[in-house]
Structures are given as structure tokens and as C-alpha cells.
Amino acid sequence: MKAVDMLKALGVVVCVAMASNAYAQASDAAASPATAASAKAAKKATKKTDHQLEVDVRRALSKAQGFDVSNVFVKARNGAVVLTGTVPEGNQIGQAEEIAKAVPGVKSVSNKISLGTQGGGG
């Protein structure tokens, strides 16, 4: 008789454990889609902001007197701007960095522009 009571008690414990585990999974599943949607929306907004910052920096470079922006590339990520490419005159390397730093929204500038000839002649 004691074995039957022990099995009943064990069965109750197993049922309680299963029910609480199922509840925890249901709660996590309900919160997950909303979190994923907001994370996706935030990522999309950040990407749009980064693209606009790239456009703004490139526009500022193109408006600079005597600066040839044709071989300069701008990449932005969370306000950090990376300048790459080549310019025909050495003083334009520093000029590009100063112009980029002055654009609203730019937090930092990594200047990887090098001195080179236009058209990539060889």
C-alpha cells in the first residue's frame, strides 16, 4: 500500500513540474515576437541613419573648394565614419577628415585615404 501512495505522490510531483515548465515556455514564446520585431525595427532605423550620414558626409566633401571626391568612399556605422580611397594631393587627406568631423551626427572619423593618381594610371 505504501508503494501505491509513493507512486501517487511521485505522479503529482511530475505533473506539477511539467505544468510549470509548459507555463514558462508559453511566457517566453509570447514575449519573443514583440522583442524580435522591435529589434528589427531598431536595426532598420540605424541602417537608415547610417546611410543618411554617409550621404551628408559625401555631400560636404563634394562642396569643399578644390576637393575631388570622385575616388573617396564614405562608410558610416553608428556615427563612426570611415573614409577610404585616394586623392591627388596630400593636403586633401587631412582636409577630408576635418570636413567629415564637422558634419552633424559624426562621432568619430577613421581616415584611410591615401595619396594616388586620378584614373588609377600605372
PDB file of N, CA and C in Angstrom:
ATOM      1  N   MET A   1       0.811  -1.180   0.000  1.00  0.00           N
ATOM      2  CA  MET A   1       0.000   0.000   0.000  1.00  0.00           C
ATOM      3  C   MET A   1       0.863   1.257   0.000  1.00  0.00           C
ATOM      4  N   LYS A   2       1.993   1.200   0.735  1.00  0.00           N
ATOM      5  CA  LYS A   2       2.873   2.355   0.776  1.00  0.00           C
ATOM      6  C   LYS A   2       3.467   2.641  -0.598  1.00  0.00           C
ATOM      7  N   ALA A   3       3.706   1.623  -1.389  1.00  0.00           N
ATOM      8  CA  ALA A   3       4.274   1.803  -2.731  1.00  0.00           C
ATOM      9  C   ALA A   3       3.290   2.540  -3.627  1.00  0.00           C
ATOM     10  N   VAL A   4       2.009   2.277  -3.501  1.00  0.00           N
ATOM     11  CA  VAL A   4       0.986   2.949  -4.296  1.00  0.00           C
ATOM     12  C   VAL A   4       0.926   4.430  -3.922  1.00  0.00           C
ATOM     13  N   ASP A   5       0.967   4.722  -2.632  1.00  0.00           N
ATOM     14  CA  ASP A   5       0.959   6.121  -2.180  1.00  0.00           C
ATOM     15  C   ASP A   5       2.203   6.856  -2.680  1.00  0.00           C
ATOM     16  N   MET A   6       3.322   6.175  -2.661  1.00  0.00           N
ATOM     17  CA  MET A   6       4.577   6.773  -3.132  1.00  0.00           C
ATOM     18  C   MET A   6       4.482   7.077  -4.626  1.00  0.00           C
ATOM     19  N   LEU A   7       3.911   6.183  -5.405  1.00  0.00           N
ATOM     20  CA  LEU A   7       3.749   6.404  -6.836  1.00  0.00           C
ATOM     21  C   LEU A   7       2.789   7.556  -7.111  1.00  0.00           C
ATOM     22  N   LYS A   8       1.724   7.680  -6.320  1.00  0.00           N
ATOM     23  CA  LYS A   8       0.792   8.793  -6.482  1.00  0.00           C
ATOM     24  C   LYS A   8       1.499  10.125  -6.218  1.00  0.00           C
ATOM     25  N   ALA A   9       2.269  10.162  -5.132  1.00  0.00           N
ATOM     26  CA  ALA A   9       2.993  11.393  -4.778  1.00  0.00           C
ATOM     27  C   ALA A   9       3.993  11.745  -5.877  1.00  0.00           C
ATOM     28  N   LEU A  10       4.673  10.767  -6.402  1.00  0.00           N
ATOM     29  CA  LEU A  10       5.633  10.987  -7.479  1.00  0.00           C
ATOM     30  C   LEU A  10       4.924  11.495  -8.736  1.00  0.00           C
ATOM     31  N   GLY A  11       3.764  10.949  -9.005  1.00  0.00           N
ATOM     32  CA  GLY A  11       2.976  11.391 -10.156  1.00  0.00           C
ATOM     33  C   GLY A  11       2.552  12.845 -10.019  1.00  0.00           C
ATOM     34  N   VAL A  12       2.154  13.251  -8.814  1.00  0.00           N
ATOM     35  CA  VAL A  12       1.764  14.639  -8.572  1.00  0.00           C
ATOM     36  C   VAL A  12       2.968  15.565  -8.795  1.00  0.00           C
ATOM     37  N   VAL A  13       4.120  15.181  -8.295  1.00  0.00           N
ATOM     38  CA  VAL A  13       5.330  15.990  -8.456  1.00  0.00           C
ATOM     39  C   VAL A  13       5.681  16.140  -9.937  1.00  0.00           C
ATOM     40  N   VAL A  14       5.592  15.071 -10.683  1.00  0.00           N
ATOM     41  CA  VAL A  14       5.888  15.122 -12.125  1.00  0.00           C
ATOM     42  C   VAL A  14       4.897  16.031 -12.842  1.00  0.00           C
ATOM     43  N   CYS A  15       3.626  15.947 -12.505  1.00  0.00           N
ATOM     44  CA  CYS A  15       2.610  16.798 -13.138  1.00  0.00           C
ATOM     45  C   CYS A  15       2.861  18.269 -12.847  1.00  0.00           C
ATOM     46  N   VAL A  16       3.198  18.601 -11.608  1.00  0.00           N
ATOM     47  CA  VAL A  16       3.472  19.987 -11.239  1.00  0.00           C
ATOM     48  C   VAL A  16       4.697  20.500 -12.000  1.00  0.00           C
ATOM     49  N   ALA A  17       5.730  19.674 -12.073  1.00  0.00           N
ATOM     50  CA  ALA A  17       6.951  20.074 -12.788  1.00  0.00           C
ATOM     51  C   ALA A  17       6.662  20.302 -14.264  1.00  0.00           C
ATOM     52  N   MET A  18       5.892  19.456 -14.880  1.00  0.00           N
ATOM     53  CA  MET A  18       5.559  19.587 -16.299  1.00  0.00           C
ATOM     54  C   MET A  18       4.708  20.841 -16.539  1.00  0.00           C
ATOM     55  N   ALA A  19       3.755  21.097 -15.654  1.00  0.00           N
ATOM     56  CA  ALA A  19       2.875  22.254 -15.818  1.00  0.00           C
ATOM     57  C   ALA A  19       3.664  23.556 -15.692  1.00  0.00           C
ATOM     58  N   SER A  20       4.556  23.642 -14.731  1.00  0.00           N
ATOM     59  CA  SER A  20       5.329  24.880 -14.569  1.00  0.00           C
ATOM     60  C   SER A  20       6.303  25.066 -15.729  1.00  0.00           C
ATOM     61  N   ASN A  21       6.855  24.013 -16.271  1.00  0.00           N
ATOM     62  CA  ASN A  21       7.755  24.100 -17.423  1.00  0.00           C
ATOM     63  C   ASN A  21       6.983  24.567 -18.657  1.00  0.00           C
ATOM     64  N   ALA A  22       5.794  24.054 -18.858  1.00  0.00           N
ATOM     65  CA  ALA A  22       4.973  24.450 -20.002  1.00  0.00           C
ATOM     66  C   ALA A  22       4.572  25.916 -19.885  1.00  0.00           C
ATOM     67  N   TYR A  23       4.284  26.388 -18.679  1.00  0.00           N
ATOM     68  CA  TYR A  23       3.922  27.789 -18.472  1.00  0.00           C
ATOM     69  C   TYR A  23       5.105  28.696 -18.793  1.00  0.00           C
ATOM     70  N   ALA A  24       6.292  28.318 -18.373  1.00  0.00           N
ATOM     71  CA  ALA A  24       7.486  29.129 -18.629  1.00  0.00           C
ATOM     72  C   ALA A  24       7.756  29.229 -20.130  1.00  0.00           C
ATOM     73  N   GLN A  25       7.605  28.150 -20.858  1.00  0.00           N
ATOM     74  CA  GLN A  25       7.810  28.178 -22.298  1.00  0.00           C
ATOM     75  C   GLN A  25       6.763  29.043 -22.984  1.00  0.00           C
ATOM     76  N   ALA A  26       5.536  28.979 -22.544  1.00  0.00           N
ATOM     77  CA  ALA A  26       4.472  29.776 -23.149  1.00  0.00           C
ATOM     78  C   ALA A  26       4.731  31.258 -22.904  1.00  0.00           C
ATOM     79  N   SER A  27       5.205  31.635 -21.740  1.00  0.00           N
ATOM     80  CA  SER A  27       5.501  33.033 -21.434  1.00  0.00           C
ATOM     81  C   SER A  27       6.632  33.551 -22.304  1.00  0.00           C
ATOM     82  N   ASP A  28       7.695  32.779 -22.479  1.00  0.00           N
ATOM     83  CA  ASP A  28       8.820  33.185 -23.320  1.00  0.00           C
ATOM     84  C   ASP A  28       8.400  33.331 -24.765  1.00  0.00           C
ATOM     85  N   ALA A  29       7.587  32.431 -25.250  1.00  0.00           N
ATOM     86  CA  ALA A  29       7.157  32.471 -26.648  1.00  0.00           C
ATOM     87  C   ALA A  29       6.296  33.696 -26.922  1.00  0.00           C
ATOM     88  N   ALA A  30       5.500  34.094 -25.956  1.00  0.00           N
ATOM     89  CA  ALA A  30       4.627  35.244 -26.152  1.00  0.00           C
ATOM     90  C   ALA A  30       5.439  36.537 -26.224  1.00  0.00           C
ATOM     91  N   ALA A  31       6.522  36.663 -25.471  1.00  0.00           N
ATOM     92  CA  ALA A  31       7.326  37.885 -25.456  1.00  0.00           C
ATOM     93  C   ALA A  31       8.277  37.948 -26.647  1.00  0.00           C
ATOM     94  N   SER A  32       8.665  36.842 -27.167  1.00  0.00           N
ATOM     95  CA  SER A  32       9.687  36.789 -28.207  1.00  0.00           C
ATOM     96  C   SER A  32       9.337  37.517 -29.505  1.00  0.00           C
ATOM     97  N   PRO A  33       8.165  37.343 -30.108  1.00  0.00           N
ATOM     98  CA  PRO A  33       7.887  38.036 -31.371  1.00  0.00           C
ATOM     99  C   PRO A  33       7.931  39.561 -31.248  1.00  0.00           C
ATOM    100  N   ALA A  34       7.434  40.091 -30.155  1.00  0.00           N
ATOM    101  CA  ALA A  34       7.452  41.547 -29.967  1.00  0.00           C
ATOM    102  C   ALA A  34       8.884  42.045 -29.848  1.00  0.00           C
ATOM    103  N   THR A  35       9.719  41.323 -29.123  1.00  0.00           N
ATOM    104  CA  THR A  35      11.117  41.702 -28.961  1.00  0.00           C
ATOM    105  C   THR A  35      11.847  41.624 -30.287  1.00  0.00           C
ATOM    106  N   ALA A  36      11.593  40.589 -31.047  1.00  0.00           N
ATOM    107  CA  ALA A  36      12.245  40.435 -32.354  1.00  0.00           C
ATOM    108  C   ALA A  36      11.814  41.545 -33.303  1.00  0.00           C
ATOM    109  N   ALA A  37      10.551  41.924 -33.266  1.00  0.00           N
ATOM    110  CA  ALA A  37      10.054  42.974 -34.146  1.00  0.00           C
ATOM    111  C   ALA A  37      10.674  44.319 -33.794  1.00  0.00           C
ATOM    112  N   SER A  38      10.784  44.615 -32.500  1.00  0.00           N
ATOM    113  CA  SER A  38      11.374  45.894 -32.106  1.00  0.00           C
ATOM    114  C   SER A  38      12.864  45.923 -32.417  1.00  0.00           C
ATOM    115  N   ALA A  39      13.552  44.805 -32.284  1.00  0.00           N
ATOM    116  CA  ALA A  39      14.971  44.748 -32.618  1.00  0.00           C
ATOM    117  C   ALA A  39      15.175  44.948 -34.117  1.00  0.00           C
ATOM    118  N   LYS A  40      14.298  44.369 -34.907  1.00  0.00           N
ATOM    119  CA  LYS A  40      14.381  44.522 -36.363  1.00  0.00           C
ATOM    120  C   LYS A  40      14.116  45.970 -36.762  1.00  0.00           C
ATOM    121  N   ALA A  41      13.145  46.594 -36.125  1.00  0.00           N
ATOM    122  CA  ALA A  41      12.827  47.996 -36.422  1.00  0.00           C
ATOM    123  C   ALA A  41      13.987  48.908 -36.031  1.00  0.00           C
ATOM    124  N   ALA A  42      14.611  48.624 -34.903  1.00  0.00           N
ATOM    125  CA  ALA A  42      15.756  49.430 -34.457  1.00  0.00           C
ATOM    126  C   ALA A  42      16.926  49.277 -35.421  1.00  0.00           C
ATOM    127  N   LYS A  43      17.151  48.071 -35.885  1.00  0.00           N
ATOM    128  CA  LYS A  43      18.244  47.821 -36.831  1.00  0.00           C
ATOM    129  C   LYS A  43      17.993  48.562 -38.145  1.00  0.00           C
ATOM    130  N   LYS A  44      16.747  48.555 -38.597  1.00  0.00           N
ATOM    131  CA  LYS A  44      16.390  49.235 -39.838  1.00  0.00           C
ATOM    132  C   LYS A  44      16.579  50.749 -39.692  1.00  0.00           C
ATOM    133  N   ALA A  45      16.175  51.289 -38.544  1.00  0.00           N
ATOM    134  CA  ALA A  45      16.334  52.726 -38.294  1.00  0.00           C
ATOM    135  C   ALA A  45      17.812  53.111 -38.243  1.00  0.00           C
ATOM    136  N   THR A  46      18.630  52.278 -37.615  1.00  0.00           N
ATOM    137  CA  THR A  46      20.069  52.545 -37.535  1.00  0.00           C
ATOM    138  C   THR A  46      20.693  52.514 -38.920  1.00  0.00           C
ATOM    139  N   LYS A  47      20.287  51.558 -39.731  1.00  0.00           N
ATOM    140  CA  LYS A  47      20.823  51.450 -41.087  1.00  0.00           C
ATOM    141  C   LYS A  47      20.453  52.689 -41.907  1.00  0.00           C
ATOM    142  N   LYS A  48      19.228  53.163 -41.746  1.00  0.00           N
ATOM    143  CA  LYS A  48      18.779  54.352 -42.462  1.00  0.00           C
ATOM    144  C   LYS A  48      19.572  55.578 -42.008  1.00  0.00           C
ATOM    145  N   THR A  49      19.789  55.703 -40.706  1.00  0.00           N
ATOM    146  CA  THR A  49      20.563  56.816 -40.160  1.00  0.00           C
ATOM    147  C   THR A  49      21.997  56.770 -40.665  1.00  0.00           C
ATOM    148  N   ASP A  50      22.601  55.583 -40.681  1.00  0.00           N
ATOM    149  CA  ASP A  50      23.971  55.436 -41.178  1.00  0.00           C
ATOM    150  C   ASP A  50      24.065  55.840 -42.648  1.00  0.00           C
ATOM    151  N   HIS A  51      23.096  55.419 -43.443  1.00  0.00           N
ATOM    152  CA  HIS A  51      23.108  55.762 -44.867  1.00  0.00           C
ATOM    153  C   HIS A  51      22.989  57.277 -45.051  1.00  0.00           C
ATOM    154  N   GLN A  52      22.112  57.908 -44.280  1.00  0.00           N
ATOM    155  CA  GLN A  52      21.948  59.359 -44.392  1.00  0.00           C
ATOM    156  C   GLN A  52      23.226  60.084 -43.984  1.00  0.00           C
ATOM    157  N   LEU A  53      23.917  59.569 -42.988  1.00  0.00           N
ATOM    158  CA  LEU A  53      25.178  60.171 -42.559  1.00  0.00           C
ATOM    159  C   LEU A  53      26.231  60.044 -43.664  1.00  0.00           C
ATOM    160  N   GLU A  54      26.266  58.905 -44.334  1.00  0.00           N
ATOM    161  CA  GLU A  54      27.186  58.717 -45.464  1.00  0.00           C
ATOM    162  C   GLU A  54      26.904  59.755 -46.547  1.00  0.00           C
ATOM    163  N   VAL A  55      25.634  59.944 -46.863  1.00  0.00           N
ATOM    164  CA  VAL A  55      25.233  60.917 -47.884  1.00  0.00           C
ATOM    165  C   VAL A  55      25.640  62.325 -47.459  1.00  0.00           C
ATOM    166  N   ASP A  56      25.409  62.662 -46.202  1.00  0.00           N
ATOM    167  CA  ASP A  56      25.733  64.002 -45.703  1.00  0.00           C
ATOM    168  C   ASP A  56      27.237  64.278 -45.756  1.00  0.00           C
ATOM    169  N   VAL A  57      28.041  63.305 -45.370  1.00  0.00           N
ATOM    170  CA  VAL A  57      29.499  63.484 -45.401  1.00  0.00           C
ATOM    171  C   VAL A  57      29.975  63.622 -46.848  1.00  0.00           C
ATOM    172  N   ARG A  58      29.478  62.778 -47.712  1.00  0.00           N
ATOM    173  CA  ARG A  58      29.884  62.847 -49.123  1.00  0.00           C
ATOM    174  C   ARG A  58      29.478  64.198 -49.734  1.00  0.00           C
ATOM    175  N   ARG A  59      28.294  64.676 -49.401  1.00  0.00           N
ATOM    176  CA  ARG A  59      27.833  65.970 -49.899  1.00  0.00           C
ATOM    177  C   ARG A  59      28.747  67.096 -49.384  1.00  0.00           C
ATOM    178  N   ALA A  60      29.124  67.037 -48.120  1.00  0.00           N
ATOM    179  CA  ALA A  60      30.009  68.054 -47.554  1.00  0.00           C
ATOM    180  C   ALA A  60      31.379  68.028 -48.244  1.00  0.00           C
ATOM    181  N   LEU A  61      31.883  66.839 -48.527  1.00  0.00           N
ATOM    182  CA  LEU A  61      33.165  66.717 -49.228  1.00  0.00           C
ATOM    183  C   LEU A  61      33.069  67.290 -50.644  1.00  0.00           C
ATOM    184  N   SER A  62      31.959  67.023 -51.314  1.00  0.00           N
ATOM    185  CA  SER A  62      31.807  67.490 -52.694  1.00  0.00           C
ATOM    186  C   SER A  62      31.677  69.005 -52.779  1.00  0.00           C
ATOM    187  N   LYS A  63      31.204  69.643 -51.699  1.00  0.00           N
ATOM    188  CA  LYS A  63      31.052  71.092 -51.688  1.00  0.00           C
ATOM    189  C   LYS A  63      32.346  71.823 -51.322  1.00  0.00           C
ATOM    190  N   ALA A  64      33.351  71.105 -50.850  1.00  0.00           N
ATOM    191  CA  ALA A  64      34.611  71.734 -50.447  1.00  0.00           C
ATOM    192  C   ALA A  64      35.347  72.269 -51.678  1.00  0.00           C
ATOM    193  N   GLN A  65      35.826  73.481 -51.559  1.00  0.00           N
ATOM    194  CA  GLN A  65      36.541  74.144 -52.656  1.00  0.00           C
ATOM    195  C   GLN A  65      37.798  73.352 -53.026  1.00  0.00           C
ATOM    196  N   GLY A  66      37.905  72.941 -54.286  1.00  0.00           N
ATOM    197  CA  GLY A  66      39.098  72.267 -54.792  1.00  0.00           C
ATOM    198  C   GLY A  66      39.266  70.827 -54.343  1.00  0.00           C
ATOM    199  N   PHE A  67      38.241  70.229 -53.762  1.00  0.00           N
ATOM    200  CA  PHE A  67      38.353  68.840 -53.298  1.00  0.00           C
ATOM    201  C   PHE A  67      37.682  67.918 -54.302  1.00  0.00           C
ATOM    202  N   ASP A  68      38.440  66.926 -54.790  1.00  0.00           N
ATOM    203  CA  ASP A  68      37.899  65.963 -55.752  1.00  0.00           C
ATOM    204  C   ASP A  68      37.427  64.727 -54.989  1.00  0.00           C
ATOM    205  N   VAL A  69      36.136  64.528 -54.951  1.00  0.00           N
ATOM    206  CA  VAL A  69      35.540  63.450 -54.172  1.00  0.00           C
ATOM    207  C   VAL A  69      35.329  62.174 -55.001  1.00  0.00           C
ATOM    208  N   SER A  70      35.732  62.192 -56.270  1.00  0.00           N
ATOM    209  CA  SER A  70      35.403  61.080 -57.168  1.00  0.00           C
ATOM    210  C   SER A  70      36.004  59.733 -56.752  1.00  0.00           C
ATOM    211  N   ASN A  71      37.145  59.737 -56.055  1.00  0.00           N
ATOM    212  CA  ASN A  71      37.755  58.471 -55.625  1.00  0.00           C
ATOM    213  C   ASN A  71      37.743  58.312 -54.109  1.00  0.00           C
ATOM    214  N   VAL A  72      36.838  58.996 -53.441  1.00  0.00           N
ATOM    215  CA  VAL A  72      36.728  58.905 -51.990  1.00  0.00           C
ATOM    216  C   VAL A  72      35.413  58.204 -51.654  1.00  0.00           C
ATOM    217  N   PHE A  73      35.497  57.267 -50.723  1.00  0.00           N
ATOM    218  CA  PHE A  73      34.330  56.479 -50.323  1.00  0.00           C
ATOM    219  C   PHE A  73      34.065  56.693 -48.839  1.00  0.00           C
ATOM    220  N   VAL A  74      32.789  56.768 -48.489  1.00  0.00           N
ATOM    221  CA  VAL A  74      32.371  57.049 -47.122  1.00  0.00           C
ATOM    222  C   VAL A  74      31.513  55.897 -46.616  1.00  0.00           C
ATOM    223  N   LYS A  75      31.846  55.397 -45.436  1.00  0.00           N
ATOM    224  CA  LYS A  75      31.046  54.354 -44.787  1.00  0.00           C
ATOM    225  C   LYS A  75      30.788  54.797 -43.357  1.00  0.00           C
ATOM    226  N   ALA A  76      29.556  54.683 -42.903  1.00  0.00           N
ATOM    227  CA  ALA A  76      29.204  55.089 -41.541  1.00  0.00           C
ATOM    228  C   ALA A  76      28.544  53.937 -40.800  1.00  0.00           C
ATOM    229  N   ARG A  77      28.837  53.874 -39.501  1.00  0.00           N
ATOM    230  CA  ARG A  77      28.206  52.868 -38.646  1.00  0.00           C
ATOM    231  C   ARG A  77      28.089  53.446 -37.242  1.00  0.00           C
ATOM    232  N   ASN A  78      26.854  53.701 -36.837  1.00  0.00           N
ATOM    233  CA  ASN A  78      26.573  54.261 -35.512  1.00  0.00           C
ATOM    234  C   ASN A  78      27.337  55.555 -35.249  1.00  0.00           C
ATOM    235  N   GLY A  79      27.463  56.386 -36.254  1.00  0.00           N
ATOM    236  CA  GLY A  79      28.137  57.672 -36.099  1.00  0.00           C
ATOM    237  C   GLY A  79      29.625  57.642 -36.347  1.00  0.00           C
ATOM    238  N   ALA A  80      30.202  56.461 -36.476  1.00  0.00           N
ATOM    239  CA  ALA A  80      31.631  56.325 -36.774  1.00  0.00           C
ATOM    240  C   ALA A  80      31.795  56.280 -38.292  1.00  0.00           C
ATOM    241  N   VAL A  81      32.552  57.220 -38.834  1.00  0.00           N
ATOM    242  CA  VAL A  81      32.722  57.332 -40.280  1.00  0.00           C
ATOM    243  C   VAL A  81      34.106  56.834 -40.675  1.00  0.00           C
ATOM    244  N   VAL A  82      34.156  56.060 -41.756  1.00  0.00           N
ATOM    245  CA  VAL A  82      35.419  55.592 -42.310  1.00  0.00           C
ATOM    246  C   VAL A  82      35.545  56.158 -43.719  1.00  0.00           C
ATOM    247  N   LEU A  83      36.646  56.858 -43.949  1.00  0.00           N
ATOM    248  CA  LEU A  83      36.939  57.412 -45.274  1.00  0.00           C
ATOM    249  C   LEU A  83      38.011  56.556 -45.920  1.00  0.00           C
ATOM    250  N   THR A  84      37.769  56.123 -47.162  1.00  0.00           N
ATOM    251  CA  THR A  84      38.756  55.343 -47.907  1.00  0.00           C
ATOM    252  C   THR A  84      38.872  55.907 -49.309  1.00  0.00           C
ATOM    253  N   GLY A  85      39.859  55.447 -50.037  1.00  0.00           N
ATOM    254  CA  GLY A  85      40.043  55.879 -51.415  1.00  0.00           C
ATOM    255  C   GLY A  85      41.337  56.653 -51.576  1.00  0.00           C
ATOM    256  N   THR A  86      41.399  57.431 -52.666  1.00  0.00           N
ATOM    257  CA  THR A  86      42.606  58.189 -52.965  1.00  0.00           C
ATOM    258  C   THR A  86      42.262  59.628 -53.338  1.00  0.00           C
ATOM    259  N   VAL A  87      43.234  60.503 -53.096  1.00  0.00           N
ATOM    260  CA  VAL A  87      43.133  61.907 -53.507  1.00  0.00           C
ATOM    261  C   VAL A  87      44.441  62.270 -54.214  1.00  0.00           C
ATOM    262  N   PRO A  88      44.396  63.248 -55.141  1.00  0.00           N
ATOM    263  CA  PRO A  88      45.586  63.583 -55.915  1.00  0.00           C
ATOM    264  C   PRO A  88      46.608  64.435 -55.160  1.00  0.00           C
ATOM    265  N   GLU A  89      46.192  65.104 -54.080  1.00  0.00           N
ATOM    266  CA  GLU A  89      47.105  65.972 -53.342  1.00  0.00           C
ATOM    267  C   GLU A  89      47.103  65.597 -51.862  1.00  0.00           C
ATOM    268  N   GLY A  90      48.284  65.601 -51.257  1.00  0.00           N
ATOM    269  CA  GLY A  90      48.435  65.185 -49.865  1.00  0.00           C
ATOM    270  C   GLY A  90      47.631  65.995 -48.869  1.00  0.00           C
ATOM    271  N   ASN A  91      47.503  67.307 -49.104  1.00  0.00           N
ATOM    272  CA  ASN A  91      46.765  68.141 -48.152  1.00  0.00           C
ATOM    273  C   ASN A  91      45.277  67.803 -48.117  1.00  0.00           C
ATOM    274  N   GLN A  92      44.770  67.137 -49.141  1.00  0.00           N
ATOM    275  CA  GLN A  92      43.351  66.776 -49.186  1.00  0.00           C
ATOM    276  C   GLN A  92      43.015  65.636 -48.224  1.00  0.00           C
ATOM    277  N   ILE A  93      44.016  64.881 -47.798  1.00  0.00           N
ATOM    278  CA  ILE A  93      43.768  63.788 -46.849  1.00  0.00           C
ATOM    279  C   ILE A  93      43.281  64.368 -45.513  1.00  0.00           C
ATOM    280  N   GLY A  94      44.021  65.321 -44.982  1.00  0.00           N
ATOM    281  CA  GLY A  94      43.612  65.976 -43.738  1.00  0.00           C
ATOM    282  C   GLY A  94      42.354  66.807 -43.910  1.00  0.00           C
ATOM    283  N   GLN A  95      42.225  67.437 -45.076  1.00  0.00           N
ATOM    284  CA  GLN A  95      41.047  68.256 -45.367  1.00  0.00           C
ATOM    285  C   GLN A  95      39.781  67.397 -45.311  1.00  0.00           C
ATOM    286  N   ALA A  96      39.837  66.202 -45.874  1.00  0.00           N
ATOM    287  CA  ALA A  96      38.675  65.304 -45.876  1.00  0.00           C
ATOM    288  C   ALA A  96      38.268  64.940 -44.457  1.00  0.00           C
ATOM    289  N   GLU A  97      39.245  64.686 -43.606  1.00  0.00           N
ATOM    290  CA  GLU A  97      38.946  64.320 -42.224  1.00  0.00           C
ATOM    291  C   GLU A  97      38.285  65.482 -41.481  1.00  0.00           C
ATOM    292  N   GLU A  98      38.802  66.674 -41.655  1.00  0.00           N
ATOM    293  CA  GLU A  98      38.235  67.845 -40.984  1.00  0.00           C
ATOM    294  C   GLU A  98      36.809  68.133 -41.455  1.00  0.00           C
ATOM    295  N   ILE A  99      36.573  67.982 -42.740  1.00  0.00           N
ATOM    296  CA  ILE A  99      35.226  68.197 -43.291  1.00  0.00           C
ATOM    297  C   ILE A  99      34.259  67.179 -42.697  1.00  0.00           C
ATOM    298  N   ALA A 100      34.685  65.906 -42.665  1.00  0.00           N
ATOM    299  CA  ALA A 100      33.817  64.842 -42.145  1.00  0.00           C
ATOM    300  C   ALA A 100      33.498  65.067 -40.665  1.00  0.00           C
ATOM    301  N   LYS A 101      34.482  65.485 -39.878  1.00  0.00           N
ATOM    302  CA  LYS A 101      34.259  65.719 -38.444  1.00  0.00           C
ATOM    303  C   LYS A 101      33.235  66.826 -38.196  1.00  0.00           C
ATOM    304  N   ALA A 102      33.140  67.774 -39.126  1.00  0.00           N
ATOM    305  CA  ALA A 102      32.234  68.905 -38.958  1.00  0.00           C
ATOM    306  C   ALA A 102      30.777  68.581 -39.300  1.00  0.00           C
ATOM    307  N   VAL A 103      30.526  67.427 -39.884  1.00  0.00           N
ATOM    308  CA  VAL A 103      29.157  67.052 -40.267  1.00  0.00           C
ATOM    309  C   VAL A 103      28.382  66.624 -39.017  1.00  0.00           C
ATOM    310  N   PRO A 104      27.192  67.183 -38.802  1.00  0.00           N
ATOM    311  CA  PRO A 104      26.380  66.795 -37.638  1.00  0.00           C
ATOM    312  C   PRO A 104      26.067  65.301 -37.644  1.00  0.00           C
ATOM    313  N   GLY A 105      26.239  64.666 -36.490  1.00  0.00           N
ATOM    314  CA  GLY A 105      25.971  63.237 -36.356  1.00  0.00           C
ATOM    315  C   GLY A 105      27.220  62.391 -36.397  1.00  0.00           C
ATOM    316  N   VAL A 106      28.340  62.957 -36.849  1.00  0.00           N
ATOM    317  CA  VAL A 106      29.596  62.210 -36.908  1.00  0.00           C
ATOM    318  C   VAL A 106      30.213  62.200 -35.511  1.00  0.00           C
ATOM    319  N   LYS A 107      30.463  61.000 -34.993  1.00  0.00           N
ATOM    320  CA  LYS A 107      31.055  60.859 -33.665  1.00  0.00           C
ATOM    321  C   LYS A 107      32.565  60.679 -33.750  1.00  0.00           C
ATOM    322  N   SER A 108      33.022  59.976 -34.792  1.00  0.00           N
ATOM    323  CA  SER A 108      34.456  59.768 -34.980  1.00  0.00           C
ATOM    324  C   SER A 108      34.734  59.558 -36.459  1.00  0.00           C
ATOM    325  N   VAL A 109      36.003  59.799 -36.846  1.00  0.00           N
ATOM    326  CA  VAL A 109      36.405  59.628 -38.237  1.00  0.00           C
ATOM    327  C   VAL A 109      37.678  58.790 -38.281  1.00  0.00           C
ATOM    328  N   SER A 110      37.643  57.740 -39.075  1.00  0.00           N
ATOM    329  CA  SER A 110      38.826  56.942 -39.360  1.00  0.00           C
ATOM    330  C   SER A 110      39.215  57.244 -40.801  1.00  0.00           C
ATOM    331  N   ASN A 111      40.347  57.925 -40.964  1.00  0.00           N
ATOM    332  CA  ASN A 111      40.771  58.385 -42.281  1.00  0.00           C
ATOM    333  C   ASN A 111      41.762  57.393 -42.875  1.00  0.00           C
ATOM    334  N   LYS A 112      41.338  56.655 -43.879  1.00  0.00           N
ATOM    335  CA  LYS A 112      42.183  55.676 -44.564  1.00  0.00           C
ATOM    336  C   LYS A 112      42.430  56.087 -46.007  1.00  0.00           C
ATOM    337  N   ILE A 113      42.285  57.382 -46.271  1.00  0.00           N
ATOM    338  CA  ILE A 113      42.519  57.904 -47.617  1.00  0.00           C
ATOM    339  C   ILE A 113      44.024  57.932 -47.860  1.00  0.00           C
ATOM    340  N   SER A 114      44.405  57.591 -49.090  1.00  0.00           N
ATOM    341  CA  SER A 114      45.817  57.614 -49.436  1.00  0.00           C
ATOM    342  C   SER A 114      46.039  58.522 -50.647  1.00  0.00           C
ATOM    343  N   LEU A 115      47.287  58.839 -50.856  1.00  0.00           N
ATOM    344  CA  LEU A 115      47.664  59.679 -51.997  1.00  0.00           C
ATOM    345  C   LEU A 115      47.736  58.796 -53.236  1.00  0.00           C
ATOM    346  N   GLY A 116      47.082  59.226 -54.303  1.00  0.00           N
ATOM    347  CA  GLY A 116      47.077  58.438 -55.530  1.00  0.00           C
ATOM    348  C   GLY A 116      46.774  59.302 -56.725  1.00  0.00           C
ATOM    349  N   THR A 117      46.941  58.727 -57.881  1.00  0.00           N
ATOM    350  CA  THR A 117      46.674  59.463 -59.105  1.00  0.00           C
ATOM    351  C   THR A 117      45.238  59.237 -59.545  1.00  0.00           C
ATOM    352  N   GLN A 118      44.641  60.218 -60.156  1.00  0.00           N
ATOM    353  CA  GLN A 118      43.289  60.095 -60.670  1.00  0.00           C
ATOM    354  C   GLN A 118      43.288  59.120 -61.855  1.00  0.00           C
ATOM    355  N   GLY A 119      42.293  58.307 -61.919  1.00  0.00           N
ATOM    356  CA  GLY A 119      42.157  57.357 -63.021  1.00  0.00           C
ATOM    357  C   GLY A 119      42.963  56.094 -62.818  1.00  0.00           C
ATOM    358  N   GLY A 120      43.715  56.014 -61.732  1.00  0.00           N
ATOM    359  CA  GLY A 120      44.461  54.786 -61.418  1.00  0.00           C
ATOM    360  C   GLY A 120      45.525  54.435 -62.432  1.00  0.00           C
ATOM    361  N   GLY A 121      46.119  55.430 -63.104  1.00  0.00           N
ATOM    362  CA  GLY A 121      47.142  55.168 -64.109  1.00  0.00           C
ATOM    363  C   GLY A 121      48.314  54.366 -63.565  1.00  0.00           C
ATOM    364  N   GLY A 122      49.061  53.736 -64.484  1.00  0.00           N
ATOM    365  CA  GLY A 122      50.105  52.892 -63.953  1.00  0.00           C
ATOM    366  C   GLY A 122      51.265  52.950 -64.748  1.00  0.00           C
TER     367      GLY A 122
END
